[in-house]
Structure formats: C-alpha cells, structure tokens
C-alpha cells in the first residue's frame, strides 16, 4: 500500500501530522482512525488496521491529535472537546482532498471521540470502537491521586506510560461535562464494539454500557486475551481483519475502472501525491511514481524504471523462447537494467558526438549447464528482443488532443 505523510490544520489551527494509507486501485471508501489517549497514529493498532482495510480497497487516514506524536501544539492546551474538533478537521481535509470518511474507528479514548463526533460528519456510514470507555471521564481514573493535585493547583505534570504530560483543570472539567450516553443513544449508525475481556485499564463493563445504549444495528466482538493497547501483533491483526470483514456490507462496492480497449495502454493521474499515476491495460493495472528525491512519494516504478522493465522483461522472454526452441539447458534467465546518462564523447560506438546520451546497461545472468558457445549465442539473442530493436531504431511518436 501507499502510505503518504501529510499535514492538515487541526481544530486549534496548528498543523497535525497524519498518514494516508491508500490501496493500489481507487478506494471504494475512506476511513478515519482516532488513536488512544497519549498514543499516536503509528501505534500498532492503527498500523495493522490500515493494512487490513487497504487490502479491502478502503483508504485510511490516521493522525496525531494536537500536541501528540508529530503534531504541533501543546497537549496542555487540549481537552476532549478539542480532540473532537481535530477529528472533524481530519474529516474536512478528507472531504476537500479526496472524499469524506464513510467509516470512523476509535481506540480507547479515541473510541469515545468517534462516538461523540459521528453525527457531525454526515457521510459516515459505520462506527467501530476498540477498548473504548463508555464515558470520556473514565480517563480521570488513570490520573489517580493527581486529580486532586490538578484541581488544587490548576495543573500538574503527570507520568503516563513513561512520558510526562501537563494536564490542566480545564481538561478535568471538560471530560466530566460530556453527555456521552445521549450521543450513543442518538448515534443511529451501524456500530461494532470490540473489547478485550481482560482489559485492566478500561473494563469490559464499558463495552456493555456502549452496546446497551446503542440502537441496532450493533455488534460486539470480544478481543480474547488482548490487552488495552493491543500490543501483541496477533491481537492487532485479528481486530483489523474483523473490522475489514464487518464493514464490508455498509460500504459501496469497489468502483469499476473505465474499460480500456485491447492493445491500448492508458495512463491517468491518481492525484494522490504529485506524480502518482495509474497504468491500465484491458486486463491489468499497475502504478507509477517518482522517487522522493524527485518530489514524488515512491509508490510505484518511475517512468525510466518502467522503460527498463520493458527491456528487461522482453529480454528474458526472448531468451526463453530461443532456449526452448533450440532445446538449450537454460534453467533460468535474469536481467539487471541500470539507466543513466553518459557524455557522447565517451561513447565510441555512438553517432552523437556532443552532449549527453541515455545508456541502458544490461547485465545477464544465465543459469543452467550451458556451454561457452551456448552462453555466447544467448548473449547475441538478447540484443534481438523486440523492445531492444525498438529502442535502437527510429521511433516516431504522434500526439493528439482528445475531447
């Protein structure tokens, strides 16, 4: 999959760091992931969920809340309400640049966030929560005795998962004022509640509360043996696979690509990144891009790599046809192609004497019990492949505009 690093303005106006994970073909839908309290977009759960959704043709935007991960801003200036505005900002960015999210996924406090904000994103078709609390103020239990200190002093720096965070009194007041029960009851969207029965941070009773308050259609899946953060790869993968299968019935079918006439090759901009393009024939699709150093995202072969691929594939096919015809003991042929430019003056065999010329350096590996004469003959045959002949002969290219 293509995983693009992007930024967009969050609810407080600061730049939020995000990743947009895309399938190779045009996405059937876009999803949005909200991570757990003080976690990041690159945690294990969102990473595996991204891969599973992409395999089903669903693109995923995962981002860091204000003041967390790679996002700008101060965590001390955030609260649950500001997290909700960040989710809305992420949905707005998707709507502007691609398409609004049809699926919301939230982990832990991020699950409470997507439940709270789903009705503010009209295009949402389904919601998934992972080890989510019934109410946002459950996070106060994780602050323990620090709550009294924050209430008394107005703020305190506390340790969460080995990292210091400044939490202010306004944060406590904000999470306590949320009416989450009403939001869940009024959700009126397909809901999948996933929760680990052995979650010691957010107990299974929270999943029961969410499920009971929500209206149908709703589903519950136990993440048996998992911990709160889904730190085991097998638990994160299982959750991802279930989400991808469950949401399938609530999303539109995969869009069909425009038909291409046999013998014609069509190249179309994908508009994901600067140079990404889709290469399509009557029966096949592949993708092209430029390296990061050239301003691309490196999500596919570059144009010159595609040219080298044409020469390389034609070479091994030609060698195979000749070896089979002559019954030569060629077990396997492989080719390495390296494209570069050289000074014309350095090329004794070239007609051009000025400037620089393109050079495709081809290196053959021939496996099998071949004699020296057979190997030499195959080397000569390599120069006879049709693409080689095309590249070394006069080529005429015509271009016309199509209405």
Protein backbone atom coordinates (compact mmCIF):
# COMPACT_ATOMS: atom_id res chain seq x y z
CA UNK A 1 0.00 0.00 0.00
CA UNK A 2 0.99 3.64 -0.37
CA UNK A 3 1.42 5.37 3.00
CA UNK A 4 1.70 9.11 2.47
CA UNK A 5 2.86 11.56 5.11
CA UNK A 6 0.60 14.62 5.15
CA UNK A 7 -0.32 17.60 7.33
CA UNK A 8 -3.56 19.49 7.77
CA UNK A 9 -4.77 22.22 10.16
CA UNK A 10 -6.40 20.81 13.29
CA UNK A 11 -9.23 22.21 15.36
CA UNK A 12 -6.92 24.71 17.06
CA UNK A 13 -5.33 25.78 13.79
CA UNK A 14 -1.98 24.06 14.32
CA UNK A 15 -0.58 21.52 11.86
CA UNK A 16 -1.49 17.92 12.60
CA UNK A 17 0.75 15.10 11.38
CA UNK A 18 -1.03 12.28 9.59
CA UNK A 19 -0.65 9.27 7.32
CA UNK A 20 -2.97 8.46 4.45
CA UNK A 21 -2.85 4.75 3.62
CA UNK A 22 -4.11 4.00 0.12
CA UNK A 23 -4.87 0.84 -1.85
CA UNK A 24 -3.38 0.43 -5.31
CA UNK A 25 -6.73 0.91 -7.04
CA UNK A 26 -9.14 3.82 -6.48
CA UNK A 27 -10.55 3.40 -2.93
CA UNK A 28 -14.10 2.20 -2.50
CA UNK A 29 -14.28 4.39 0.63
CA UNK A 30 -12.21 6.36 3.11
CA UNK A 31 -11.93 5.64 6.84
CA UNK A 32 -10.68 7.80 9.71
CA UNK A 33 -8.84 6.49 12.79
CA UNK A 34 -8.67 8.24 16.20
CA UNK A 35 -5.92 6.89 18.47
CA UNK A 36 -5.92 6.26 22.21
CA UNK A 37 -5.14 8.76 24.98
CA UNK A 38 -1.49 9.96 24.62
CA UNK A 39 -0.87 7.38 21.84
CA UNK A 40 -0.01 8.14 18.21
CA UNK A 41 -1.06 7.36 14.66
CA UNK A 42 1.91 4.98 14.35
CA UNK A 43 0.90 2.69 17.21
CA UNK A 44 0.45 -1.00 16.45
CA UNK A 45 -3.37 -0.98 16.26
CA UNK A 46 -3.81 1.73 13.59
CA UNK A 47 -0.91 0.38 11.56
CA UNK A 48 -2.36 -3.13 11.27
CA UNK A 49 -5.88 -1.82 10.75
CA UNK A 50 -4.60 0.33 7.89
CA UNK A 51 -3.10 -2.71 6.17
CA UNK A 52 -6.24 -4.80 6.55
CA UNK A 53 -8.53 -2.05 5.26
CA UNK A 54 -6.28 -1.27 2.32
CA UNK A 55 -6.45 -4.94 1.29
CA UNK A 56 -10.25 -4.46 1.10
CA UNK A 57 -9.91 -1.35 -1.04
CA UNK A 58 -10.50 1.09 1.84
CA UNK A 59 -8.17 4.06 2.39
CA UNK A 60 -7.39 5.12 5.98
CA UNK A 61 -6.40 8.50 7.40
CA UNK A 62 -4.71 8.24 10.81
CA UNK A 63 -3.46 11.34 12.56
CA UNK A 64 -1.88 12.59 15.79
CA UNK A 65 -4.08 14.75 18.00
CA UNK A 66 -2.85 18.24 18.85
CA UNK A 67 0.30 18.14 20.97
CA UNK A 68 0.92 14.41 20.42
CA UNK A 69 3.20 12.43 18.10
CA UNK A 70 4.35 14.56 15.19
CA UNK A 71 1.58 17.16 15.52
CA UNK A 72 2.16 20.74 16.59
CA UNK A 73 0.56 22.45 19.58
CA UNK A 74 0.66 21.91 23.32
CA UNK A 75 -1.03 18.90 24.90
CA UNK A 76 -1.69 21.03 27.99
CA UNK A 77 -3.99 23.25 25.93
CA UNK A 78 -6.15 20.36 24.73
CA UNK A 79 -9.17 18.53 26.12
CA UNK A 80 -11.78 16.06 24.92
CA UNK A 81 -13.73 18.76 23.10
CA UNK A 82 -10.63 19.90 21.22
CA UNK A 83 -10.00 16.27 20.25
CA UNK A 84 -13.44 16.24 18.68
CA UNK A 85 -12.62 19.33 16.63
CA UNK A 86 -9.43 17.59 15.46
CA UNK A 87 -11.50 14.62 14.24
CA UNK A 88 -13.85 16.96 12.40
CA UNK A 89 -10.86 18.79 10.89
CA UNK A 90 -9.47 15.47 9.66
CA UNK A 91 -12.83 14.61 8.08
CA UNK A 92 -12.97 18.05 6.47
CA UNK A 93 -9.50 17.54 4.98
CA UNK A 94 -10.52 14.18 3.54
CA UNK A 95 -13.69 15.70 2.10
CA UNK A 96 -11.73 18.51 0.42
CA UNK A 97 -8.88 16.41 -0.92
CA UNK A 98 -10.49 13.02 -1.60
CA UNK A 99 -13.85 12.02 -0.12
CA UNK A 100 -15.44 12.31 3.31
CA UNK A 101 -14.91 9.31 5.64
CA UNK A 102 -17.55 6.61 5.48
CA UNK A 103 -16.07 4.73 8.46
CA UNK A 104 -14.86 6.03 11.84
CA UNK A 105 -12.61 3.87 14.04
CA UNK A 106 -11.54 4.87 17.54
CA UNK A 107 -9.22 3.20 20.03
CA UNK A 108 -9.74 3.78 23.78
CA UNK A 109 -10.47 7.50 24.32
CA UNK A 110 -10.37 7.81 20.54
CA UNK A 111 -13.33 5.41 20.53
CA UNK A 112 -15.25 7.77 22.80
CA UNK A 113 -14.29 10.58 20.43
CA UNK A 114 -15.67 8.92 17.29
CA UNK A 115 -18.91 8.04 19.12
CA UNK A 116 -19.24 11.68 20.15
CA UNK A 117 -18.48 13.19 16.77
CA UNK A 118 -20.05 10.74 14.30
CA UNK A 119 -23.27 12.72 13.87
CA UNK A 120 -21.24 15.82 12.96
CA UNK A 121 -19.88 14.05 9.87
CA UNK A 122 -22.96 13.32 7.73
CA UNK A 123 -21.20 10.98 5.29
CA UNK A 124 -20.29 8.43 7.99
CA UNK A 125 -21.92 5.04 7.39
CA UNK A 126 -20.48 2.97 10.28
CA UNK A 127 -18.51 3.31 13.53
CA UNK A 128 -16.05 0.96 15.27
CA UNK A 129 -14.70 1.23 18.82
CA UNK A 130 -11.71 -0.64 20.27
CA UNK A 131 -11.44 -0.94 24.08
CA UNK A 132 -13.33 2.34 24.40
CA UNK A 133 -14.72 3.79 27.66
CA UNK A 134 -18.45 4.39 27.92
CA UNK A 135 -17.83 7.97 29.04
CA UNK A 136 -14.76 10.20 28.49
CA UNK A 137 -14.41 10.96 32.21
CA UNK A 138 -13.15 7.40 32.69
CA UNK A 139 -9.74 8.83 31.85
CA UNK A 140 -9.78 10.51 35.25
CA UNK A 141 -9.32 7.08 36.81
CA UNK A 142 -5.97 6.83 35.03
CA UNK A 143 -4.84 10.07 36.66
CA UNK A 144 -5.44 8.67 40.17
CA UNK A 145 -4.27 10.88 43.02
CA UNK A 146 -3.09 13.50 40.53
CA UNK A 147 -6.69 14.62 40.03
CA UNK A 148 -6.75 16.30 43.45
CA UNK A 149 -3.42 18.00 42.73
CA UNK A 150 -4.69 19.29 39.38
CA UNK A 151 -7.88 20.59 40.99
CA UNK A 152 -5.88 22.31 43.72
CA UNK A 153 -3.04 23.80 41.65
CA UNK A 154 -4.80 24.29 38.33
CA UNK A 155 -2.40 21.95 36.51
CA UNK A 156 0.14 19.20 37.11
CA UNK A 157 2.77 17.31 35.16
CA UNK A 158 2.00 13.62 35.40
CA UNK A 159 3.57 10.44 34.09
CA UNK A 160 1.52 8.48 31.54
CA UNK A 161 3.10 5.38 30.02
CA UNK A 162 6.54 6.64 30.96
CA UNK A 163 6.15 10.11 29.44
CA UNK A 164 5.43 13.45 31.17
CA UNK A 165 2.23 15.30 30.25
CA UNK A 166 0.83 18.52 31.66
CA UNK A 167 -2.87 18.23 32.46
CA UNK A 168 -4.92 21.26 33.44
CA UNK A 169 -8.09 21.74 35.44
CA UNK A 170 -9.98 22.62 32.24
CA UNK A 171 -9.31 19.11 30.95
CA UNK A 172 -10.96 17.56 34.02
CA UNK A 173 -13.96 19.86 33.72
CA UNK A 174 -14.36 19.17 30.03
CA UNK A 175 -14.39 15.36 30.22
CA UNK A 176 -16.79 15.49 33.18
CA UNK A 177 -19.28 17.63 31.24
CA UNK A 178 -19.65 15.26 28.26
CA UNK A 179 -23.11 13.67 27.75
CA UNK A 180 -21.88 10.53 26.08
CA UNK A 181 -24.95 8.41 26.89
CA UNK A 182 -27.14 10.71 24.79
CA UNK A 183 -24.68 10.68 21.91
CA UNK A 184 -24.52 6.87 21.82
CA UNK A 185 -28.30 6.58 22.01
CA UNK A 186 -28.71 9.05 19.14
CA UNK A 187 -25.94 7.54 17.01
CA UNK A 188 -28.30 5.64 14.69
CA UNK A 189 -25.42 4.16 12.70
CA UNK A 190 -24.12 0.59 12.41
CA UNK A 191 -21.79 0.09 15.38
CA UNK A 192 -19.14 -2.53 16.07
CA UNK A 193 -17.96 -2.66 19.69
CA UNK A 194 -14.67 -4.56 20.12
CA UNK A 195 -13.30 -5.02 23.62
CA UNK A 196 -10.81 -7.22 25.46
CA UNK A 197 -12.47 -9.02 28.42
CA UNK A 198 -9.07 -8.89 30.16
CA UNK A 199 -8.62 -5.13 29.63
CA UNK A 200 -7.43 -3.86 33.04
CA UNK A 201 -7.46 -0.20 32.02
CA UNK A 202 -10.95 0.07 30.53
CA UNK A 203 -13.05 -2.79 31.90
CA UNK A 204 -15.42 -4.90 29.84
CA UNK A 205 -18.36 -3.20 31.59
CA UNK A 206 -17.69 -0.15 29.43
CA UNK A 207 -18.30 -2.21 26.29
CA UNK A 208 -21.53 -3.45 27.84
CA UNK A 209 -22.59 0.14 28.54
CA UNK A 210 -21.90 1.25 24.96
CA UNK A 211 -23.64 -1.77 23.48
CA UNK A 212 -26.72 -1.40 25.68
CA UNK A 213 -27.08 2.32 25.00
CA UNK A 214 -26.68 1.99 21.22
CA UNK A 215 -29.52 1.07 18.91
CA UNK A 216 -29.43 -1.60 16.22
CA UNK A 217 -27.67 -2.48 14.01
CA UNK A 218 -24.90 -3.15 16.53
CA UNK A 219 -22.37 -5.92 17.01
CA UNK A 220 -19.93 -6.99 19.72
CA UNK A 221 -16.66 -8.88 19.26
CA UNK A 222 -14.51 -9.98 22.20
CA UNK A 223 -10.77 -9.47 21.74
CA UNK A 224 -10.00 -12.51 23.83
CA UNK A 225 -6.59 -12.39 25.50
CA UNK A 226 -5.70 -8.93 24.23
CA UNK A 227 -4.52 -6.05 26.39
CA UNK A 228 -5.80 -2.48 26.30
CA UNK A 229 -3.26 -1.18 23.75
CA UNK A 230 -3.37 -4.30 21.52
CA UNK A 231 0.38 -4.55 21.89
CA UNK A 232 0.54 -8.13 20.59
CA UNK A 233 0.74 -8.19 16.82
CA UNK A 234 -1.69 -11.11 16.54
CA UNK A 235 -4.37 -9.21 18.51
CA UNK A 236 -4.00 -6.09 16.39
CA UNK A 237 -4.13 -8.14 13.18
CA UNK A 238 -7.21 -10.02 14.35
CA UNK A 239 -9.04 -6.78 15.17
CA UNK A 240 -8.06 -5.36 11.79
CA UNK A 241 -9.32 -8.40 9.87
CA UNK A 242 -12.64 -8.41 11.73
CA UNK A 243 -13.20 -4.70 11.09
CA UNK A 244 -12.48 -5.11 7.39
CA UNK A 245 -14.95 -8.00 7.10
CA UNK A 246 -17.67 -6.39 9.26
CA UNK A 247 -17.75 -3.03 7.48
CA UNK A 248 -17.94 -4.58 4.01
CA UNK A 249 -21.75 -4.66 3.93
CA UNK A 250 -22.05 -0.99 4.87
CA UNK A 251 -19.77 0.40 2.16
CA UNK A 252 -20.31 0.82 -1.58
CA UNK A 253 -18.95 -1.75 -3.99
CA UNK A 254 -15.47 -1.27 -5.38
CA UNK A 255 -15.63 1.22 -8.27
CA UNK A 256 -15.07 -0.27 -11.68
CA UNK A 257 -12.20 1.19 -13.67
CA UNK A 258 -13.10 2.63 -17.10
CA UNK A 259 -12.67 -0.02 -19.75
CA UNK A 260 -9.56 0.04 -21.93
CA UNK A 261 -9.57 -1.33 -25.47
CA UNK A 262 -7.33 -4.31 -26.10
CA UNK A 263 -3.96 -3.19 -27.41
CA UNK A 264 -4.27 0.26 -25.78
CA UNK A 265 -2.42 1.38 -22.64
CA UNK A 266 -3.97 4.21 -20.60
CA UNK A 267 -2.08 6.30 -18.03
CA UNK A 268 -4.12 8.50 -15.65
CA UNK A 269 -3.09 10.78 -12.81
CA UNK A 270 -4.18 9.43 -9.43
CA UNK A 271 -3.96 12.87 -7.75
CA UNK A 272 -2.54 11.26 -4.62
CA UNK A 273 0.79 12.97 -4.23
CA UNK A 274 2.37 14.99 -7.03
CA UNK A 275 3.33 12.41 -9.64
CA UNK A 276 1.36 9.21 -8.90
CA UNK A 277 -0.23 7.63 -11.95
CA UNK A 278 -2.28 4.54 -12.79
CA UNK A 279 -1.19 2.46 -15.78
CA UNK A 280 -4.04 0.36 -17.16
CA UNK A 281 -4.48 -2.11 -20.00
CA UNK A 282 -7.51 -4.18 -20.89
CA UNK A 283 -6.72 -6.75 -18.18
CA UNK A 284 -4.06 -5.30 -15.87
CA UNK A 285 -3.34 -2.30 -13.63
CA UNK A 286 -0.05 -1.08 -12.16
CA UNK A 287 1.15 2.19 -10.67
CA UNK A 288 3.92 4.67 -11.38
CA UNK A 289 5.51 7.46 -9.34
CA UNK A 290 8.77 9.33 -8.90
CA UNK A 291 11.27 8.79 -6.06
CA UNK A 292 11.02 11.02 -3.01
CA UNK A 293 14.21 12.80 -4.06
CA UNK A 294 12.47 13.87 -7.28
CA UNK A 295 9.38 15.18 -5.50
CA UNK A 296 7.29 12.02 -5.62
CA UNK A 297 6.12 9.57 -2.98
CA UNK A 298 7.88 6.46 -4.37
CA UNK A 299 4.62 4.47 -4.51
CA UNK A 300 5.42 2.89 -7.86
CA UNK A 301 8.03 2.47 -10.57
CA UNK A 302 9.39 5.65 -12.13
CA UNK A 303 8.96 6.20 -15.91
CA UNK A 304 12.56 5.18 -16.61
CA UNK A 305 12.16 2.14 -14.36
CA UNK A 306 9.11 1.18 -16.44
CA UNK A 307 11.21 1.63 -19.58
CA UNK A 308 13.94 -0.56 -18.10
CA UNK A 309 11.28 -3.10 -17.09
CA UNK A 310 10.06 -3.25 -20.69
CA UNK A 311 13.56 -4.01 -21.93
CA UNK A 312 14.29 -6.48 -19.14
CA UNK A 313 11.06 -8.47 -19.46
CA UNK A 314 11.33 -8.58 -23.24
CA UNK A 315 14.90 -9.84 -22.91
CA UNK A 316 14.11 -12.79 -20.62
CA UNK A 317 11.03 -13.72 -22.69
CA UNK A 318 13.10 -13.72 -25.89
CA UNK A 319 15.83 -15.83 -24.27
CA UNK A 320 13.25 -18.33 -23.03
CA UNK A 321 11.65 -18.67 -26.46
CA UNK A 322 15.03 -19.24 -28.12
CA UNK A 323 16.29 -21.66 -25.45
CA UNK A 324 13.13 -23.78 -25.68
CA UNK A 325 13.21 -23.73 -29.48
CA UNK A 326 16.84 -24.86 -29.58
CA UNK A 327 16.43 -27.15 -26.54
CA UNK A 328 19.21 -25.40 -24.63
CA UNK A 329 19.61 -26.31 -20.92
CA UNK A 330 18.76 -22.78 -19.75
CA UNK A 331 17.27 -23.19 -16.26
CA UNK A 332 16.59 -19.53 -15.58
CA UNK A 333 17.47 -16.16 -17.10
CA UNK A 334 17.53 -12.90 -15.15
CA UNK A 335 18.41 -9.39 -16.20
CA UNK A 336 19.50 -6.29 -14.32
CA UNK A 337 18.94 -2.96 -16.05
CA UNK A 338 20.59 0.28 -14.98
CA UNK A 339 19.63 3.57 -16.64
CA UNK A 340 21.97 6.53 -16.73
CA UNK A 341 23.38 9.28 -18.93
CA UNK A 342 26.89 9.44 -20.33
CA UNK A 343 28.83 12.01 -22.34
CA UNK A 344 28.50 11.35 -26.06
CA UNK A 345 32.23 11.95 -26.47
CA UNK A 346 32.91 8.95 -24.23
CA UNK A 347 30.93 6.58 -26.47
CA UNK A 348 32.97 5.32 -29.40
CA UNK A 349 30.00 3.45 -30.93
CA UNK A 350 27.52 6.35 -30.73
CA UNK A 351 26.63 8.58 -33.68
CA UNK A 352 26.13 11.66 -31.48
CA UNK A 353 29.36 13.41 -30.59
CA UNK A 354 28.03 16.23 -28.40
CA UNK A 355 26.02 16.47 -25.20
CA UNK A 356 24.84 13.54 -23.14
CA UNK A 357 23.03 10.40 -24.23
CA UNK A 358 20.93 7.83 -22.39
CA UNK A 359 22.52 4.49 -21.61
CA UNK A 360 20.72 1.31 -20.54
CA UNK A 361 23.28 -1.07 -19.08
CA UNK A 362 22.01 -4.65 -19.20
CA UNK A 363 23.57 -7.46 -17.15
CA UNK A 364 22.51 -11.04 -17.91
CA UNK A 365 22.60 -14.00 -15.55
CA UNK A 366 22.11 -17.36 -17.27
CA UNK A 367 21.58 -20.40 -15.06
CA UNK A 368 21.94 -23.95 -16.33
CA UNK A 369 24.52 -26.38 -17.68
CA UNK A 370 25.36 -24.25 -20.72
CA UNK A 371 28.50 -24.43 -22.85
CA UNK A 372 30.53 -21.32 -23.56
CA UNK A 373 29.22 -21.26 -27.16
CA UNK A 374 25.61 -21.52 -25.94
CA UNK A 375 26.09 -18.70 -23.47
CA UNK A 376 27.62 -16.52 -26.19
CA UNK A 377 24.72 -17.28 -28.54
CA UNK A 378 22.17 -16.34 -25.86
CA UNK A 379 24.05 -13.08 -25.29
CA UNK A 380 23.63 -12.31 -29.00
CA UNK A 381 19.94 -13.26 -28.91
CA UNK A 382 19.36 -10.79 -26.06
CA UNK A 383 20.11 -7.95 -28.49
CA UNK A 384 17.36 -9.23 -30.79
CA UNK A 385 14.44 -8.85 -28.41
CA UNK A 386 11.71 -6.63 -29.96
CA UNK A 387 11.94 -3.88 -27.33
CA UNK A 388 15.72 -3.70 -27.79
CA UNK A 389 15.20 -3.29 -31.53
CA UNK A 390 12.56 -0.62 -30.95
CA UNK A 391 14.78 1.37 -28.63
CA UNK A 392 17.74 1.24 -31.01
CA UNK A 393 15.81 2.04 -34.20
CA UNK A 394 13.99 5.12 -35.40
CA UNK A 395 10.87 5.78 -33.30
CA UNK A 396 8.00 8.03 -34.35
CA UNK A 397 5.66 9.36 -31.65
CA UNK A 398 2.50 11.27 -32.53
CA UNK A 399 0.37 13.19 -30.03
CA UNK A 400 -3.19 14.47 -30.41
CA UNK A 401 -5.76 16.02 -28.12
CA UNK A 402 -8.89 14.00 -27.32
CA UNK A 403 -12.11 15.85 -26.49
